[in-house]
Amino acid sequence: MKTTTDSGSAFLPRRFPQRQYNSGNAGVTMVELMVIIAVAAILAVVAIPNLGRMMARIRLRNSANEVASTLKMANSRAVANPRVHCGVYFDLNSQELTVFFDDDGNNQFDSGSDRIYQNAISLDRSTTFSLTTITDNVVIFRGDGSAKNGAVIEVEDSKYNQSKTITVIKQSGKVQIQ
């Protein structure tokens, strides 16, 4: 016994009626597909060169933040124990930062006699730092929060000619990124 629906086809229940499609509207034409691909290609050509510059800005910002946070940590550590000054040594050859306690009070980093608070911190390979107004590549923080010497540290990405400046204010020990 056959069952039929309103449309007259056999073996289909009434709740699923057959639909009639117009075969002329059944998809995307080749021209429409080519237009979509062309627009996507143009967007990619415009976006890809800017992607490298954007990634360089992110790496530069991260490196500058790393230097600033290391300086702030040394300042906090010096305030925590006012009898021992804490410093940051900038190794220009290896581009690393080392946080140390200036146990002998000579305002220099002596790897043999000064205790290391935090081992060498490396920045992103695409960024470098340079120092101005710093003697002996060291910034020393005192127990009252001030810095023994003011400092200007330039973190730069030479490939994209971008840089960030980190300033340590001598009187207050405040660390600023510009």
Protein backbone atom coordinates (compact mmCIF):
# COMPACT_ATOMS: atom_id res chain seq x y z
CA MET A 1 0.00 0.00 0.00
CA LYS A 2 1.42 3.33 -1.06
CA THR A 3 1.15 6.50 0.93
CA THR A 4 1.03 9.77 -0.90
CA THR A 5 1.41 13.38 0.10
CA ASP A 6 -0.30 16.49 -1.10
CA SER A 7 2.27 16.86 -3.83
CA GLY A 8 1.52 13.38 -5.10
CA SER A 9 4.88 11.69 -4.53
CA ALA A 10 5.00 8.27 -2.95
CA PHE A 11 6.63 7.27 0.34
CA LEU A 12 7.12 10.73 1.79
CA PRO A 13 5.28 11.67 4.96
CA ARG A 14 3.13 14.75 4.93
CA ARG A 15 5.41 16.72 7.24
CA PHE A 16 8.30 16.71 4.70
CA PRO A 17 6.82 17.96 1.47
CA GLN A 18 9.05 18.05 -1.58
CA ARG A 19 10.24 21.44 -2.65
CA GLN A 20 10.68 22.63 -6.14
CA TYR A 21 13.96 24.48 -6.83
CA ASN A 22 14.71 26.66 -9.76
CA SER A 23 17.94 25.23 -11.18
CA GLY A 24 19.11 28.71 -12.31
CA ASN A 25 19.61 29.91 -8.66
CA ALA A 26 21.25 26.78 -7.27
CA GLY A 27 24.72 28.18 -6.37
CA VAL A 28 27.50 30.64 -6.96
CA THR A 29 28.62 31.38 -10.47
CA MET A 30 32.23 31.18 -11.53
CA VAL A 31 32.35 34.96 -12.02
CA GLU A 32 31.12 35.59 -8.47
CA LEU A 33 33.70 33.16 -7.12
CA MET A 34 36.51 34.86 -9.06
CA VAL A 35 35.43 38.29 -7.73
CA ILE A 36 35.53 36.98 -4.14
CA ILE A 37 39.00 35.50 -4.68
CA ALA A 38 40.26 38.75 -6.26
CA VAL A 39 38.99 40.85 -3.34
CA ALA A 40 40.59 38.47 -0.83
CA ALA A 41 43.90 38.63 -2.72
CA ILE A 42 43.87 42.43 -2.75
CA LEU A 43 43.18 42.53 0.99
CA ALA A 44 46.04 40.09 1.62
CA VAL A 45 48.48 42.15 -0.47
CA VAL A 46 47.60 45.26 1.52
CA ALA A 47 47.66 43.59 4.95
CA ILE A 48 50.83 41.46 4.78
CA PRO A 49 53.42 44.31 4.69
CA ASN A 50 51.72 45.98 7.66
CA LEU A 51 51.72 42.72 9.60
CA GLY A 52 55.53 42.73 9.88
CA ARG A 53 55.59 46.31 11.13
CA MET A 54 52.81 45.58 13.62
CA MET A 55 54.67 42.53 14.98
CA ALA A 56 57.85 44.63 15.31
CA ARG A 57 55.93 47.25 17.33
CA ILE A 58 54.61 44.51 19.62
CA ARG A 59 58.10 43.03 20.14
CA LEU A 60 59.53 46.49 20.81
CA ARG A 61 56.79 47.33 23.31
CA ASN A 62 57.29 43.97 25.07
CA SER A 63 61.06 44.49 25.30
CA ALA A 64 60.66 48.04 26.64
CA ASN A 65 58.13 46.78 29.20
CA GLU A 66 60.57 44.03 30.21
CA VAL A 67 63.36 46.56 30.84
CA ALA A 68 61.02 48.90 32.74
CA SER A 69 59.55 46.13 34.89
CA THR A 70 63.06 44.87 35.71
CA LEU A 71 64.06 48.37 36.83
CA LYS A 72 60.86 48.70 38.90
CA MET A 73 61.49 45.31 40.51
CA ALA A 74 65.02 46.39 41.53
CA ASN A 75 63.61 49.61 42.96
CA SER A 76 60.99 47.68 44.97
CA ARG A 77 63.63 45.30 46.26
CA ALA A 78 65.84 48.19 47.39
CA VAL A 79 62.93 49.76 49.28
CA ALA A 80 62.17 46.41 50.92
CA ASN A 81 65.65 46.32 52.50
CA PRO A 82 66.98 49.87 52.84
CA ARG A 83 70.40 48.76 54.05
CA VAL A 84 71.26 47.02 50.77
CA HIS A 85 71.12 48.84 47.47
CA CYS A 86 69.76 46.93 44.51
CA GLY A 87 70.88 47.51 40.94
CA VAL A 88 70.38 46.49 37.35
CA TYR A 89 73.41 45.72 35.22
CA PHE A 90 73.06 46.19 31.45
CA ASP A 91 75.39 43.88 29.51
CA LEU A 92 75.74 45.60 26.15
CA ASN A 93 77.52 42.65 24.51
CA SER A 94 74.97 39.96 25.30
CA GLN A 95 72.00 42.40 25.53
CA GLU A 96 71.01 41.00 28.94
CA LEU A 97 69.89 42.56 32.22
CA THR A 98 70.96 41.26 35.62
CA VAL A 99 69.41 42.36 38.92
CA PHE A 100 71.88 42.29 41.82
CA PHE A 101 72.44 43.43 45.39
CA ASP A 102 75.28 45.94 45.68
CA ASP A 103 76.64 44.32 48.82
CA ASP A 104 79.99 46.11 48.78
CA GLY A 105 78.41 49.52 48.09
CA ASN A 106 80.73 50.40 45.21
CA ASN A 107 77.85 51.15 42.82
CA GLN A 108 79.14 48.64 40.29
CA PHE A 109 78.26 45.10 39.35
CA ASP A 110 80.93 42.73 40.64
CA SER A 111 80.03 39.24 39.53
CA GLY A 112 82.31 37.72 42.14
CA SER A 113 81.17 39.62 45.21
CA ASP A 114 77.65 40.96 44.53
CA ARG A 115 74.69 38.63 45.06
CA ILE A 116 72.46 38.01 42.06
CA TYR A 117 68.78 38.69 42.76
CA GLN A 118 67.59 37.71 39.29
CA ASN A 119 69.72 36.01 36.66
CA ALA A 120 70.29 37.50 33.25
CA ILE A 121 67.15 38.49 31.39
CA SER A 122 67.37 38.43 27.61
CA LEU A 123 65.30 40.68 25.39
CA ASP A 124 63.73 39.71 22.09
CA ARG A 125 66.48 39.10 19.51
CA SER A 126 65.07 41.71 17.15
CA THR A 127 65.46 44.50 19.73
CA THR A 128 68.56 45.99 21.30
CA PHE A 129 69.15 48.49 24.06
CA SER A 130 71.62 51.30 24.33
CA LEU A 131 72.44 53.46 27.32
CA THR A 132 72.95 57.16 27.76
CA THR A 133 73.80 58.96 30.98
CA ILE A 134 74.65 55.70 32.76
CA THR A 135 78.09 55.03 34.22
CA ASP A 136 79.42 51.46 34.33
CA ASN A 137 76.19 50.17 32.67
CA VAL A 138 74.47 50.07 36.08
CA VAL A 139 71.41 51.69 37.63
CA ILE A 140 71.49 51.53 41.44
CA PHE A 141 68.39 52.06 43.61
CA ARG A 142 68.64 53.15 47.24
CA GLY A 143 66.48 52.14 50.17
CA ASP A 144 64.48 55.38 50.01
CA GLY A 145 63.41 54.55 46.45
CA SER A 146 65.64 57.08 44.72
CA ALA A 147 68.19 56.13 42.10
CA LYS A 148 71.90 56.65 42.66
CA ASN A 149 72.13 57.80 39.06
CA GLY A 150 69.48 58.86 36.60
CA ALA A 151 69.31 56.88 33.39
CA VAL A 152 68.04 56.95 29.84
CA ILE A 153 67.76 53.57 28.11
CA GLU A 154 66.87 53.36 24.45
CA VAL A 155 65.25 50.10 23.29
CA GLU A 156 65.19 49.91 19.52
CA ASP A 157 64.25 47.81 16.54
CA SER A 158 66.69 48.87 13.84
CA LYS A 159 64.98 46.91 11.06
CA TYR A 160 61.83 49.03 11.26
CA ASN A 161 63.59 52.10 12.73
CA GLN A 162 61.41 52.23 15.84
CA SER A 163 62.42 52.87 19.43
CA LYS A 164 61.14 53.38 22.96
CA THR A 165 62.90 55.44 25.62
CA ILE A 166 62.95 54.41 29.26
CA THR A 167 63.89 57.08 31.78
CA VAL A 168 64.86 56.57 35.42
CA ILE A 169 64.42 59.78 37.42
CA LYS A 170 67.25 60.13 39.91
CA GLN A 171 65.40 61.91 42.75
CA SER A 172 62.37 59.62 42.89
CA GLY A 173 63.57 56.43 41.19
CA LYS A 174 60.48 56.54 39.01
CA VAL A 175 60.69 54.55 35.77
CA GLN A 176 58.91 55.97 32.70
CA ILE A 177 58.46 54.60 29.17
CA GLN A 178 58.07 57.05 26.30
